[in-house]
Protein backbone atom coordinates (compact mmCIF):
# COMPACT_ATOMS: atom_id res chain seq x y z
CA MET A 1 0.00 0.00 0.00
CA ALA A 2 2.89 2.33 0.76
CA ILE A 3 4.25 1.85 -2.77
CA LYS A 4 0.85 2.55 -4.28
CA GLN A 5 0.48 5.69 -2.21
CA ARG A 6 3.88 7.00 -3.24
CA LEU A 7 3.15 6.25 -6.89
CA TYR A 8 -0.26 7.88 -6.56
CA ASN A 9 1.34 11.08 -5.25
CA VAL A 10 3.72 11.08 -8.22
CA VAL A 11 1.24 10.19 -10.96
CA PHE A 12 -1.94 11.92 -9.87
CA GLU A 13 -0.56 14.79 -7.82
CA SER A 14 1.91 17.53 -8.73
CA ASP A 15 2.65 19.06 -5.34
CA THR A 16 5.85 17.06 -4.93
CA GLU A 17 9.05 17.54 -6.88
CA ALA A 18 8.81 14.00 -8.26
CA GLY A 19 5.23 14.66 -9.34
CA LYS A 20 6.29 17.78 -11.21
CA ARG A 21 9.10 15.93 -13.00
CA PHE A 22 6.74 13.11 -13.98
CA ASP A 23 4.11 15.48 -15.35
CA VAL A 24 6.61 17.61 -17.25
CA PHE A 25 8.12 14.45 -18.77
CA LEU A 26 4.63 13.30 -19.74
CA LEU A 27 3.87 16.66 -21.30
CA TRP A 28 6.93 16.51 -23.56
CA ILE A 29 6.08 12.93 -24.54
CA ILE A 30 2.58 14.05 -25.50
CA LEU A 31 3.96 16.91 -27.59
CA LEU A 32 6.38 14.53 -29.31
CA SER A 33 3.63 12.02 -30.07
CA VAL A 34 1.37 14.66 -31.60
CA LEU A 35 4.29 15.99 -33.67
CA VAL A 36 5.07 12.49 -34.95
CA VAL A 37 1.47 11.91 -36.01
CA MET A 38 1.30 15.27 -37.79
CA LEU A 39 4.60 14.78 -39.65
CA ASP A 40 3.66 11.23 -40.57
CA SER A 41 0.51 12.53 -42.25
CA VAL A 42 2.62 14.65 -44.66
CA PRO A 43 3.20 12.41 -47.72
CA GLU A 44 6.74 13.59 -48.47
CA ILE A 45 7.95 13.30 -44.88
CA GLY A 46 5.89 10.26 -43.94
CA THR A 47 7.23 8.19 -46.82
CA ARG A 48 10.85 9.16 -46.27
CA TYR A 49 10.90 8.55 -42.51
CA ALA A 50 8.23 5.84 -42.29
CA ALA A 51 10.43 3.43 -40.33
CA VAL A 52 11.50 6.11 -37.84
CA PHE A 53 7.94 7.26 -37.26
CA PHE A 54 6.71 3.67 -36.90
CA ALA A 55 9.34 2.82 -34.28
CA THR A 56 8.89 6.10 -32.43
CA GLU A 57 5.12 5.73 -32.30
CA TRP A 58 5.31 2.26 -30.85
CA VAL A 59 7.80 3.34 -28.20
CA LEU A 60 5.52 6.23 -27.24
CA THR A 61 2.47 3.98 -27.25
CA ILE A 62 4.20 1.55 -24.89
CA ILE A 63 5.01 4.45 -22.56
CA PHE A 64 1.39 5.66 -22.63
CA SER A 65 0.16 2.10 -22.12
CA ILE A 66 2.33 1.69 -19.04
CA GLU A 67 1.09 5.03 -17.73
CA TYR A 68 -2.56 4.07 -18.37
CA PHE A 69 -2.39 0.71 -16.61
CA LEU A 70 -0.32 2.26 -13.81
CA ARG A 71 -3.08 4.81 -13.23
CA ILE A 72 -5.63 2.00 -13.08
CA TRP A 73 -3.51 -0.02 -10.65
CA ILE A 74 -2.83 2.79 -8.17
CA SER A 75 -6.20 4.51 -8.43
CA PRO A 76 -8.27 4.04 -5.24
CA LYS A 77 -11.46 4.25 -7.34
CA ARG A 78 -10.60 2.44 -10.54
CA LEU A 79 -14.06 2.44 -12.08
CA LYS A 80 -14.39 6.17 -11.48
CA TYR A 81 -11.10 6.79 -13.27
CA LEU A 82 -11.99 4.48 -16.17
CA LEU A 83 -15.30 6.25 -16.72
CA SER A 84 -13.88 9.75 -16.22
CA PHE A 85 -13.08 12.18 -19.03
CA TRP A 86 -9.31 11.83 -18.59
CA GLY A 87 -9.58 8.05 -18.28
CA PHE A 88 -11.37 7.99 -21.61
CA ILE A 89 -8.75 10.26 -23.21
CA ASP A 90 -5.93 8.10 -21.78
CA LEU A 91 -7.52 5.04 -23.38
CA LEU A 92 -7.96 6.78 -26.73
CA SER A 93 -4.32 7.83 -26.68
CA ILE A 94 -3.15 4.21 -26.94
CA LEU A 95 -6.06 2.46 -28.66
CA PRO A 96 -5.52 3.83 -32.22
CA THR A 97 -2.00 2.42 -32.48
CA TYR A 98 -3.22 -1.07 -31.65
CA LEU A 99 -6.16 -0.63 -34.01
CA SER A 100 -3.74 0.36 -36.78
CA LEU A 101 -2.55 -3.25 -36.81
CA ILE A 102 -5.91 -4.27 -38.26
CA LEU A 103 -7.35 -0.98 -39.57
CA SER A 104 -5.35 1.13 -42.03
CA GLY A 105 -5.23 4.84 -41.15
CA ALA A 106 -6.46 4.44 -37.58
CA GLN A 107 -3.14 5.75 -36.25
CA TYR A 108 -4.09 9.30 -37.23
CA LEU A 109 -6.72 9.26 -34.51
CA LEU A 110 -3.79 9.73 -32.14
CA VAL A 111 -4.21 13.48 -32.45
CA VAL A 112 -6.75 13.03 -29.65
CA ARG A 113 -3.70 13.20 -27.39
CA VAL A 114 -3.68 16.92 -27.91
CA PHE A 115 -6.64 17.11 -25.51
CA ARG A 116 -4.36 15.82 -22.81
CA LEU A 117 -2.41 19.06 -23.15
CA LEU A 118 -5.25 20.66 -21.23
CA ARG A 119 -3.47 19.21 -18.23
CA ILE A 120 -0.77 21.81 -18.74
CA PHE A 121 -2.31 24.00 -16.02
CA ARG A 122 -2.09 21.13 -13.52
CA ILE A 123 1.19 19.75 -14.84
CA LEU A 124 3.33 22.83 -14.74
CA LYS A 125 1.68 24.08 -11.57
CA LEU A 126 2.64 27.62 -12.35
CA ALA A 127 1.05 29.67 -9.63
CA ARG A 128 -0.18 32.39 -11.93
CA PHE A 129 -1.86 30.21 -14.54
CA ASN A 130 -3.22 27.56 -12.18
CA THR A 131 -4.68 30.01 -9.70
CA GLU A 132 -6.18 32.27 -12.31
CA ALA A 133 -7.71 29.29 -14.10
CA GLN A 134 -9.39 28.21 -10.88
CA ILE A 135 -10.56 31.76 -10.24
CA LEU A 136 -12.05 31.93 -13.72
CA ILE A 137 -13.83 28.60 -13.27
CA GLU A 138 -15.29 29.70 -9.95
CA ALA A 139 -16.33 33.03 -11.46
CA LEU A 140 -18.10 31.29 -14.34
CA LYS A 141 -19.88 28.98 -11.93
CA SER A 142 -20.99 31.88 -9.76
CA SER A 143 -22.21 33.90 -12.73
CA ALA A 144 -23.85 30.96 -14.53
CA TYR A 145 -27.38 31.94 -13.46
CA LYS A 146 -26.96 35.58 -14.46
CA LEU A 147 -25.37 34.62 -17.77
CA SER A 148 -28.16 32.15 -18.54
CA ILE A 149 -30.79 34.85 -17.94
CA PHE A 150 -28.84 37.26 -20.12
CA PHE A 151 -28.49 34.61 -22.83
CA MET A 152 -32.26 34.07 -22.83
CA ALA A 153 -32.77 37.82 -23.19
CA VAL A 154 -30.34 37.94 -26.14
CA LEU A 155 -32.06 34.95 -27.73
CA SER A 156 -35.41 36.68 -27.43
CA ILE A 157 -34.08 39.90 -28.96
CA VAL A 158 -32.40 38.26 -31.96
CA THR A 159 -35.56 36.22 -32.56
CA PHE A 160 -37.62 39.41 -32.52
CA MET A 161 -35.16 41.23 -34.80
CA GLY A 162 -35.01 38.30 -37.19
CA THR A 163 -38.77 38.16 -37.45
CA ILE A 164 -39.07 41.92 -38.01
CA ILE A 165 -36.36 41.99 -40.71
CA TYR A 166 -38.06 39.04 -42.42
CA VAL A 167 -41.31 41.01 -42.60
CA VAL A 168 -39.58 44.25 -43.64
CA GLU A 169 -37.48 42.68 -46.41
CA GLY A 170 -40.44 40.68 -47.66
CA GLY A 171 -38.61 37.38 -47.84
CA LYS A 172 -36.13 38.65 -50.44
CA GLU A 173 -32.34 39.28 -50.57
CA GLY A 174 -31.58 36.15 -48.56
CA PHE A 175 -34.24 36.71 -45.91
CA SER A 176 -36.25 33.79 -47.24
CA SER A 177 -37.31 32.43 -43.86
CA ILE A 178 -37.44 33.43 -40.21
CA PRO A 179 -34.59 31.05 -39.21
CA LYS A 180 -32.31 32.60 -41.87
CA SER A 181 -33.33 36.06 -40.69
CA ILE A 182 -32.52 35.07 -37.10
CA TYR A 183 -29.12 33.87 -38.34
CA TRP A 184 -28.60 37.33 -39.85
CA ALA A 185 -29.61 38.93 -36.55
CA VAL A 186 -27.12 36.79 -34.60
CA VAL A 187 -24.29 37.60 -37.03
CA THR A 188 -25.12 41.31 -36.90
CA VAL A 189 -25.62 41.58 -33.14
CA THR A 190 -22.34 39.80 -32.45
CA THR A 191 -20.65 42.32 -34.82
CA VAL A 192 -19.29 39.47 -36.98
CA GLY A 193 -20.92 40.73 -40.15
CA TYR A 194 -20.29 38.05 -42.78
CA GLY A 195 -22.16 40.07 -45.38
CA ASP A 196 -23.78 37.04 -47.00
CA ILE A 197 -27.23 38.48 -46.18
CA VAL A 198 -27.69 42.23 -46.41
CA PRO A 199 -30.91 44.25 -46.01
CA GLN A 200 -31.78 46.44 -49.00
CA THR A 201 -34.67 48.57 -47.75
CA VAL A 202 -34.20 51.78 -45.78
CA LEU A 203 -36.12 50.41 -42.82
CA GLY A 204 -34.11 47.19 -42.97
CA LYS A 205 -30.83 49.09 -42.86
CA PHE A 206 -32.13 51.13 -39.92
CA ILE A 207 -32.92 47.90 -38.04
CA ALA A 208 -29.46 46.59 -38.92
CA SER A 209 -27.90 49.76 -37.49
CA LEU A 210 -29.81 49.28 -34.24
CA ALA A 211 -28.67 45.65 -34.11
CA MET A 212 -25.03 46.68 -34.54
CA ILE A 213 -25.22 49.27 -31.78
CA THR A 214 -27.06 46.84 -29.51
CA GLY A 215 -24.30 44.30 -30.12
CA TYR A 216 -21.80 46.36 -28.16
CA VAL A 217 -24.12 46.21 -25.15
CA PHE A 218 -24.42 42.45 -25.49
CA ILE A 219 -20.64 42.14 -25.42
CA ALA A 220 -20.17 44.47 -22.44
CA VAL A 221 -22.80 42.99 -20.11
CA PRO A 222 -21.45 39.41 -19.76
CA THR A 223 -17.93 40.80 -19.53
CA GLY A 224 -19.00 42.95 -16.59
CA ILE A 225 -20.78 40.04 -14.89
CA VAL A 226 -17.79 37.71 -15.16
CA THR A 227 -15.33 40.45 -14.18
CA LEU A 228 -17.29 41.14 -10.99
CA GLU A 229 -17.32 37.47 -10.05
CA ILE A 230 -13.59 37.17 -10.80
CA SER A 231 -12.94 40.08 -8.47
CA ARG A 232 -14.93 38.36 -5.74
CA SER A 233 -13.31 34.97 -6.30
CA SER A 234 -9.78 36.41 -6.31
CA GLN A 235 -10.32 37.61 -2.75
CA ASN A 236 -10.81 34.03 -1.54
CA ASN A 237 -7.24 32.81 -1.98
CA LYS A 238 -4.44 31.71 0.32
CA LYS A 239 -1.02 33.30 0.37
CA CYS A 240 2.02 31.16 1.08
CA ALA A 241 4.05 32.51 3.99
CA ASN A 242 7.24 30.97 2.58
CA CYS A 243 7.29 32.27 -1.03
CA ASP A 244 4.33 34.71 -1.09
CA SER A 245 2.67 32.89 -4.01
CA ILE A 246 -1.12 32.87 -4.36
CA ASN A 247 -2.88 29.52 -4.01
CA GLN A 248 -6.40 28.18 -4.23
CA ILE A 249 -8.61 28.51 -1.18
CA ALA A 250 -8.78 24.70 -0.83
CA ALA A 251 -5.01 24.20 -1.17
CA ASN A 252 -3.18 22.56 1.73
CA PHE A 253 0.28 22.90 0.15
CA CYS A 254 1.84 25.68 -1.88
CA ASN A 255 1.86 24.92 -5.61
CA ARG A 256 5.23 26.65 -6.01
CA CYS A 257 7.39 25.64 -3.04
CA GLY A 258 5.35 22.73 -1.66
CA LYS A 259 5.30 24.08 1.90
CA PRO A 260 2.16 23.55 4.05
CA ILE A 261 -0.32 26.44 3.95
CA LYS A 262 -2.12 27.34 7.13
């Protein structure tokens, strides 16, 4: 059990020095594997270095396989890990290579490993990025209700504008249906402006001008909501007395120096 616990701290946690080294090593292996898959897909390069890419991919797959089964072995809740998002991604990172033995072209599915790079915030444990990411997540959770209400209001407005512009333009110039007109309203309100559908009447252009101006309000409101929640969340952090770095409120150890946080 002691061995499993030590391995668990290295593989699943990054607070220790060994855990950091393991995660950084894993990150570079992931980057190398994605690079190999991409280069192998280029006809000129893939044909010339086919043997090198084949050998490299199998070495990397063996490493990922060992890591995957190691995570299963040391995990206290194996089924939870297997059914988790990262457990699924870990499986997909090794499965395509084995499938390539019987299915031609399956190896290119290995680009799914790029999703594992999302672990970079946990792997590198850089105080600034990790803490701010957690603050942003907490802010989004706290503002979810307000944002959902605002989204419903925006949806109602673009539906109304789309219906009005459909009536005003008389179903011509691309406004052939209410759904297409709502699409135009969304594109206009978000200030994207593809220009594939353009109102031709004076009243239609006036409505379009109102939609463009209203779009700036739609951009500013959610930004203000999230910014307020970020400000509130950033006040609920712990400061390490040893290195003065900022840590999450639930942290027991500093993510920079590893010292206990009181």
